[in-house]
Amino acid sequence: MPPAEPTLAALPNPLLRYFLATRPPFLSVTLVAALLGLATAYQSAVPIHAAAALVTIAFALVAHAGINVLNDYYDARNGTDAINTERVYPFTGGSRFIQNGVLSMQETAMFGVVLLGLVVLAGLWLTAVSAPGLVYIGAAGLFVGWAYSAPPLKLNSRGFGEFCVWAGFALIAVGADFVQRGALSMLPLLAATGYALLVTNILYINQFPDRKADETAGKHHWVVRLGVQRARWGYVVIAVAAYAFALYAVLIGTLPWLALVSLLPAAMSARAVRELFRHAGTPARLAPAIQLTIGAATLHGLLLAATIVTARLLG
């Protein structure tokens, strides 16, 4: 059985209530992106500043949490979550905290702003211990996260949501590397591009169950624009590009040969493709494909970070 949606009666503890409003199970993809950035810094023989690394990871998670909360707020404003009857909870259709009366829209908005405010403060400290250029990376990441759903830009509604997700997670890796290195490097971008594309596919597949509600609310992302049958191929294109880019990074010597192990989750992505092609028009049956998509992205990123570090240790 799928987990029950949140209710105020089930969450009397306000601290737990606010914590769960951030959708913590989905923050793992941010943790992996930060680990990738730390791994590429280590690959370059940069001494790892442990305190800065921990603060980087912690506040990358807080940034993602804040963006999740604000996305819930803006989706409540445009009405898409309220009319979404085909959601696959807890994967799609938002956290349901506003719709089920757990938090008000005002509480949700204020919480999101407070979380992003904390990220700004942490970013200023990290800038002080690394280099001024970090401000631009952090500002770009926060802007992309905000513009994804917030008016007037509402980039996901205009077909730019996939780019936002790719850019956001690539920037996490670039930023984590920058904090340690103190300078901008192409290495974390090249290393994390395939991973960021696999995370993008999480957004992409989640849009299938949400398609009808999103279209009604004016969110014209690519699954809405292409329709269910043609949109299935978009998932294939993103997945193939992700693994092809990782392979290319190995072949040109950017990543160690050991990183080929990170291609193993392609089998999970292939299974997700099979499930998506069978059930794209039946949202209730898409949970296995969504789970495989999340698993493939997470495992690829973890294997990639681990093999980068292992190759460096082996000399």
Protein backbone atom coordinates (compact mmCIF):
# COMPACT_ATOMS: atom_id res chain seq x y z
CA MET A 1 0.00 0.00 0.00
CA PRO A 2 1.23 3.54 -0.72
CA PRO A 3 2.00 5.67 2.35
CA ALA A 4 -0.85 7.73 3.76
CA GLU A 5 -0.95 11.42 2.91
CA PRO A 6 -0.10 13.83 5.75
CA THR A 7 -2.81 15.15 8.05
CA LEU A 8 -2.71 17.62 10.91
CA ALA A 9 -3.97 14.98 13.33
CA ALA A 10 -1.12 12.64 12.39
CA LEU A 11 1.53 15.37 12.83
CA PRO A 12 0.86 17.14 16.15
CA ASN A 13 4.57 17.88 16.66
CA PRO A 14 5.28 21.18 14.83
CA LEU A 15 9.00 20.41 14.39
CA LEU A 16 8.23 17.09 12.72
CA ARG A 17 5.52 18.78 10.68
CA TYR A 18 7.91 21.35 9.25
CA PHE A 19 10.66 18.81 8.72
CA LEU A 20 8.41 16.51 6.72
CA ALA A 21 7.12 19.46 4.68
CA THR A 22 10.56 19.62 3.05
CA ARG A 23 10.03 16.13 1.54
CA PRO A 24 13.25 14.76 3.10
CA PRO A 25 13.35 11.42 1.22
CA PHE A 26 13.89 13.34 -2.01
CA LEU A 27 16.84 15.33 -0.69
CA SER A 28 19.17 12.36 -1.20
CA VAL A 29 19.81 13.41 -4.81
CA THR A 30 21.29 16.67 -3.51
CA LEU A 31 23.53 14.79 -1.09
CA VAL A 32 24.87 12.71 -3.97
CA ALA A 33 25.50 15.80 -6.12
CA ALA A 34 27.50 17.41 -3.30
CA LEU A 35 29.49 14.21 -2.81
CA LEU A 36 30.34 14.23 -6.51
CA GLY A 37 31.73 17.74 -6.21
CA LEU A 38 33.84 16.77 -3.22
CA ALA A 39 35.06 13.70 -5.10
CA THR A 40 36.25 15.73 -8.09
CA ALA A 41 38.11 18.11 -5.80
CA TYR A 42 39.78 15.10 -4.18
CA GLN A 43 40.57 13.69 -7.64
CA SER A 44 42.53 16.88 -8.31
CA ALA A 45 44.56 16.39 -5.11
CA VAL A 46 42.90 19.36 -3.43
CA PRO A 47 43.11 19.10 0.39
CA ILE A 48 39.58 18.57 1.72
CA HIS A 49 38.47 21.10 4.35
CA ALA A 50 36.20 18.90 6.48
CA ALA A 51 34.19 21.66 8.16
CA ALA A 52 33.55 23.44 4.86
CA ALA A 53 32.57 20.12 3.28
CA LEU A 54 30.02 19.41 6.01
CA VAL A 55 28.54 22.91 5.81
CA THR A 56 28.38 22.61 2.01
CA ILE A 57 26.45 19.35 2.22
CA ALA A 58 24.16 20.54 5.00
CA PHE A 59 23.15 23.76 3.33
CA ALA A 60 22.85 22.24 -0.13
CA LEU A 61 20.21 20.03 1.51
CA VAL A 62 18.59 23.07 3.15
CA ALA A 63 18.53 24.86 -0.23
CA HIS A 64 16.80 21.90 -1.86
CA ALA A 65 14.37 21.73 1.07
CA GLY A 66 13.54 25.41 0.71
CA ILE A 67 12.97 25.05 -3.02
CA ASN A 68 10.69 22.05 -2.40
CA VAL A 69 8.64 24.07 0.09
CA LEU A 70 8.33 27.08 -2.22
CA ASN A 71 7.40 24.82 -5.12
CA ASP A 72 4.53 23.50 -3.00
CA TYR A 73 3.46 27.07 -2.29
CA TYR A 74 3.48 28.15 -5.93
CA ASP A 75 1.72 24.96 -7.06
CA ALA A 76 -0.95 25.70 -4.45
CA ARG A 77 -1.29 29.21 -5.86
CA ASN A 78 -1.75 28.01 -9.43
CA GLY A 79 -4.12 25.25 -8.29
CA THR A 80 -2.44 22.26 -9.92
CA ASP A 81 -1.97 20.22 -6.73
CA ALA A 82 -5.55 20.83 -5.57
CA ILE A 83 -7.04 19.38 -8.77
CA ASN A 84 -4.55 16.55 -9.20
CA THR A 85 -6.58 13.35 -8.81
CA GLU A 86 -4.08 11.10 -10.62
CA ARG A 87 -1.09 11.83 -8.41
CA VAL A 88 1.18 8.98 -7.34
CA TYR A 89 1.86 9.91 -3.72
CA PRO A 90 4.49 10.50 -2.37
CA PHE A 91 6.27 10.94 -5.70
CA THR A 92 4.00 13.37 -7.54
CA GLY A 93 1.33 15.93 -6.78
CA GLY A 94 3.33 17.81 -4.15
CA SER A 95 3.68 17.19 -0.43
CA ARG A 96 -0.10 17.65 0.15
CA PHE A 97 0.63 19.69 3.29
CA ILE A 98 -1.34 22.70 2.07
CA GLN A 99 -4.14 20.72 0.44
CA ASN A 100 -4.66 18.59 3.57
CA GLY A 101 -4.55 21.53 6.00
CA VAL A 102 -1.27 20.60 7.68
CA LEU A 103 0.29 23.98 6.88
CA SER A 104 -1.34 27.13 5.55
CA MET A 105 -0.12 28.78 2.38
CA GLN A 106 1.34 31.64 4.43
CA GLU A 107 3.18 29.26 6.76
CA THR A 108 4.55 27.36 3.78
CA ALA A 109 5.77 30.52 2.05
CA MET A 110 7.43 31.86 5.20
CA PHE A 111 9.10 28.53 5.89
CA GLY A 112 10.54 28.40 2.39
CA VAL A 113 11.88 31.96 2.68
CA VAL A 114 13.48 31.23 6.07
CA LEU A 115 15.22 28.13 4.71
CA LEU A 116 16.65 30.00 1.74
CA GLY A 117 17.69 32.84 4.05
CA LEU A 118 19.73 30.36 6.08
CA VAL A 119 21.35 29.15 2.86
CA VAL A 120 22.42 32.70 2.02
CA LEU A 121 24.07 33.09 5.44
CA ALA A 122 25.89 29.77 5.09
CA GLY A 123 26.93 30.71 1.57
CA LEU A 124 28.54 33.91 2.82
CA TRP A 125 30.59 31.93 5.36
CA LEU A 126 31.63 29.41 2.72
CA THR A 127 32.62 32.28 0.42
CA ALA A 128 34.83 33.65 3.18
CA VAL A 129 36.69 30.35 3.53
CA SER A 130 36.95 29.65 -0.22
CA ALA A 131 36.76 32.43 -2.81
CA PRO A 132 34.39 35.24 -3.88
CA GLY A 133 33.30 33.41 -7.03
CA LEU A 134 31.17 31.08 -4.92
CA VAL A 135 28.61 33.89 -4.58
CA TYR A 136 27.82 33.65 -8.30
CA ILE A 137 27.45 29.87 -8.24
CA GLY A 138 25.17 30.01 -5.21
CA ALA A 139 23.11 32.87 -6.61
CA ALA A 140 22.67 31.02 -9.90
CA GLY A 141 21.52 27.89 -8.07
CA LEU A 142 18.98 29.75 -5.93
CA PHE A 143 17.71 31.70 -8.93
CA VAL A 144 17.14 28.54 -10.95
CA GLY A 145 15.35 26.89 -8.02
CA TRP A 146 13.10 29.92 -7.50
CA ALA A 147 12.41 30.59 -11.18
CA TYR A 148 11.42 26.96 -11.74
CA SER A 149 7.93 27.52 -10.33
CA ALA A 150 7.65 31.15 -9.19
CA PRO A 151 5.90 33.81 -11.26
CA PRO A 152 6.53 35.69 -13.42
CA LEU A 153 9.07 33.28 -14.92
CA LYS A 154 7.48 29.89 -14.05
CA LEU A 155 10.10 28.16 -16.19
CA ASN A 156 8.67 24.67 -15.78
CA SER A 157 5.34 25.92 -17.17
CA ARG A 158 7.20 27.19 -20.24
CA GLY A 159 9.12 24.01 -21.09
CA PHE A 160 12.35 24.89 -19.28
CA GLY A 161 11.83 22.73 -16.18
CA GLU A 162 14.18 20.00 -17.35
CA PHE A 163 16.94 22.54 -17.96
CA CYS A 164 16.37 23.98 -14.47
CA VAL A 165 16.78 20.57 -12.82
CA TRP A 166 19.89 19.73 -14.83
CA ALA A 167 21.45 23.13 -14.11
CA GLY A 168 20.53 23.05 -10.42
CA PHE A 169 22.14 19.70 -9.71
CA ALA A 170 25.17 20.38 -11.87
CA LEU A 171 25.68 23.63 -9.93
CA ILE A 172 25.58 21.76 -6.61
CA ALA A 173 28.53 19.62 -7.73
CA VAL A 174 30.37 22.63 -9.18
CA GLY A 175 29.79 24.58 -5.97
CA ALA A 176 30.94 21.76 -3.68
CA ASP A 177 34.12 21.43 -5.74
CA PHE A 178 34.64 25.22 -5.75
CA VAL A 179 34.46 25.46 -1.96
CA GLN A 180 37.41 23.07 -1.68
CA ARG A 181 39.36 24.19 -4.74
CA GLY A 182 38.82 27.94 -4.37
CA ALA A 183 38.55 28.26 -8.13
CA LEU A 184 36.22 27.28 -10.95
CA SER A 185 36.91 23.97 -12.70
CA MET A 186 35.27 22.16 -15.60
CA LEU A 187 35.93 18.80 -13.95
CA PRO A 188 32.88 18.72 -11.64
CA LEU A 189 30.62 19.91 -14.47
CA LEU A 190 31.86 17.16 -16.77
CA ALA A 191 31.62 14.57 -14.00
CA ALA A 192 28.14 15.58 -12.85
CA THR A 193 26.40 16.21 -16.17
CA GLY A 194 25.32 12.59 -16.63
CA TYR A 195 24.11 12.41 -13.04
CA ALA A 196 22.20 15.69 -13.36
CA LEU A 197 20.49 14.33 -16.49
CA LEU A 198 19.37 11.23 -14.60
CA VAL A 199 17.94 13.46 -11.87
CA THR A 200 16.20 15.41 -14.63
CA ASN A 201 14.47 12.19 -15.64
CA ILE A 202 12.95 12.02 -12.15
CA LEU A 203 11.18 15.29 -12.86
CA TYR A 204 10.30 14.15 -16.36
CA ILE A 205 8.64 10.87 -15.39
CA ASN A 206 6.83 12.52 -12.47
CA GLN A 207 5.08 14.77 -14.98
CA PHE A 208 3.17 11.85 -16.51
CA PRO A 209 0.80 11.34 -13.55
CA ASP A 210 0.51 15.11 -13.08
CA ARG A 211 -0.09 15.86 -16.77
CA LYS A 212 -3.84 16.48 -16.77
CA ALA A 213 -3.79 18.70 -13.67
CA ASP A 214 -0.76 20.60 -14.91
CA GLU A 215 -2.33 21.25 -18.30
CA THR A 216 -5.50 22.55 -16.66
CA ALA A 217 -3.44 24.84 -14.43
CA GLY A 218 -1.44 26.20 -17.36
CA LYS A 219 1.80 24.29 -16.72
CA HIS A 220 2.78 23.44 -20.29
CA HIS A 221 5.87 21.30 -19.72
CA TRP A 222 7.06 18.84 -22.36
CA VAL A 223 4.89 15.93 -21.29
CA VAL A 224 1.86 18.19 -21.73
CA ARG A 225 3.15 19.58 -25.02
CA LEU A 226 4.06 16.23 -26.57
CA GLY A 227 1.24 14.10 -25.22
CA VAL A 228 1.68 10.79 -23.43
CA GLN A 229 2.75 8.60 -26.35
CA ARG A 230 5.38 10.89 -27.87
CA ALA A 231 6.59 12.14 -24.48
CA ARG A 232 7.73 8.63 -23.56
CA TRP A 233 10.64 9.03 -25.98
CA GLY A 234 11.85 12.10 -24.13
CA TYR A 235 12.65 9.88 -21.16
CA VAL A 236 14.71 7.59 -23.42
CA VAL A 237 16.63 10.51 -24.92
CA ILE A 238 17.53 11.95 -21.50
CA ALA A 239 18.63 8.55 -20.12
CA VAL A 240 20.76 7.70 -23.16
CA ALA A 241 22.35 11.15 -23.08
CA ALA A 242 23.18 10.72 -19.38
CA TYR A 243 25.03 7.44 -19.74
CA ALA A 244 26.61 8.47 -23.05
CA PHE A 245 28.04 11.59 -21.45
CA ALA A 246 29.45 9.62 -18.52
CA LEU A 247 31.05 7.18 -20.97
CA TYR A 248 32.45 10.07 -23.01
CA ALA A 249 33.99 11.62 -19.88
CA VAL A 250 35.80 8.34 -19.24
CA LEU A 251 36.96 7.93 -22.84
CA ILE A 252 38.50 11.41 -22.97
CA GLY A 253 40.27 10.81 -19.65
CA THR A 254 38.29 13.26 -17.54
CA LEU A 255 37.06 10.40 -15.35
CA PRO A 256 39.06 7.28 -14.42
CA TRP A 257 38.38 4.00 -16.19
CA LEU A 258 37.05 2.63 -12.92
CA ALA A 259 34.13 5.06 -13.32
CA LEU A 260 32.70 2.74 -15.99
CA VAL A 261 31.15 0.91 -13.03
CA SER A 262 28.77 3.86 -12.72
CA LEU A 263 27.12 2.79 -15.98
CA LEU A 264 25.63 -0.30 -14.32
CA PRO A 265 22.41 1.50 -13.30
CA ALA A 266 21.60 1.73 -17.02
CA ALA A 267 19.89 -1.63 -16.48
CA MET A 268 17.54 0.05 -13.99
CA SER A 269 16.84 2.86 -16.43
CA ALA A 270 16.05 0.28 -19.14
CA ARG A 271 13.53 -1.38 -16.83
CA ALA A 272 12.01 2.02 -16.10
CA VAL A 273 11.67 2.62 -19.85
CA ARG A 274 9.83 -0.66 -20.24
CA GLU A 275 7.43 0.23 -17.42
CA LEU A 276 6.89 3.74 -18.75
CA PHE A 277 6.12 2.52 -22.27
CA ARG A 278 3.60 0.05 -20.87
CA HIS A 279 1.87 2.34 -18.38
CA ALA A 280 2.48 5.95 -19.45
CA GLY A 281 -1.26 6.51 -19.77
CA THR A 282 -2.10 4.76 -16.48
CA PRO A 283 -0.70 6.92 -13.66
CA ALA A 284 -1.61 4.48 -10.90
CA ARG A 285 0.78 1.92 -12.39
CA LEU A 286 3.79 4.23 -12.78
CA ALA A 287 5.16 3.93 -9.23
CA PRO A 288 7.67 1.15 -10.14
CA ALA A 289 9.04 3.20 -13.05
CA ILE A 290 9.40 6.27 -10.82
CA GLN A 291 11.18 4.24 -8.14
CA LEU A 292 13.55 2.75 -10.73
CA THR A 293 14.29 6.24 -12.04
CA ILE A 294 15.16 7.53 -8.59
CA GLY A 295 17.24 4.43 -7.88
CA ALA A 296 19.17 4.67 -11.14
CA ALA A 297 20.10 8.31 -10.59
CA THR A 298 21.13 7.79 -6.98
CA LEU A 299 23.15 4.64 -7.64
CA HIS A 300 24.90 6.15 -10.65
CA GLY A 301 25.96 9.20 -8.64
CA LEU A 302 27.13 7.18 -5.66
CA LEU A 303 29.10 4.75 -7.83
CA LEU A 304 30.65 7.62 -9.73
CA ALA A 305 31.75 9.45 -6.58
CA ALA A 306 33.05 6.23 -5.01
CA THR A 307 35.05 5.20 -8.09
CA ILE A 308 36.57 8.67 -8.47
CA VAL A 309 37.79 8.54 -4.87
CA THR A 310 38.93 4.91 -5.18
CA ALA A 311 40.91 5.62 -8.34
CA ARG A 312 42.68 8.48 -6.59
CA LEU A 313 43.49 6.29 -3.58
CA LEU A 314 44.90 3.63 -5.90
CA GLY A 315 47.12 6.23 -7.52
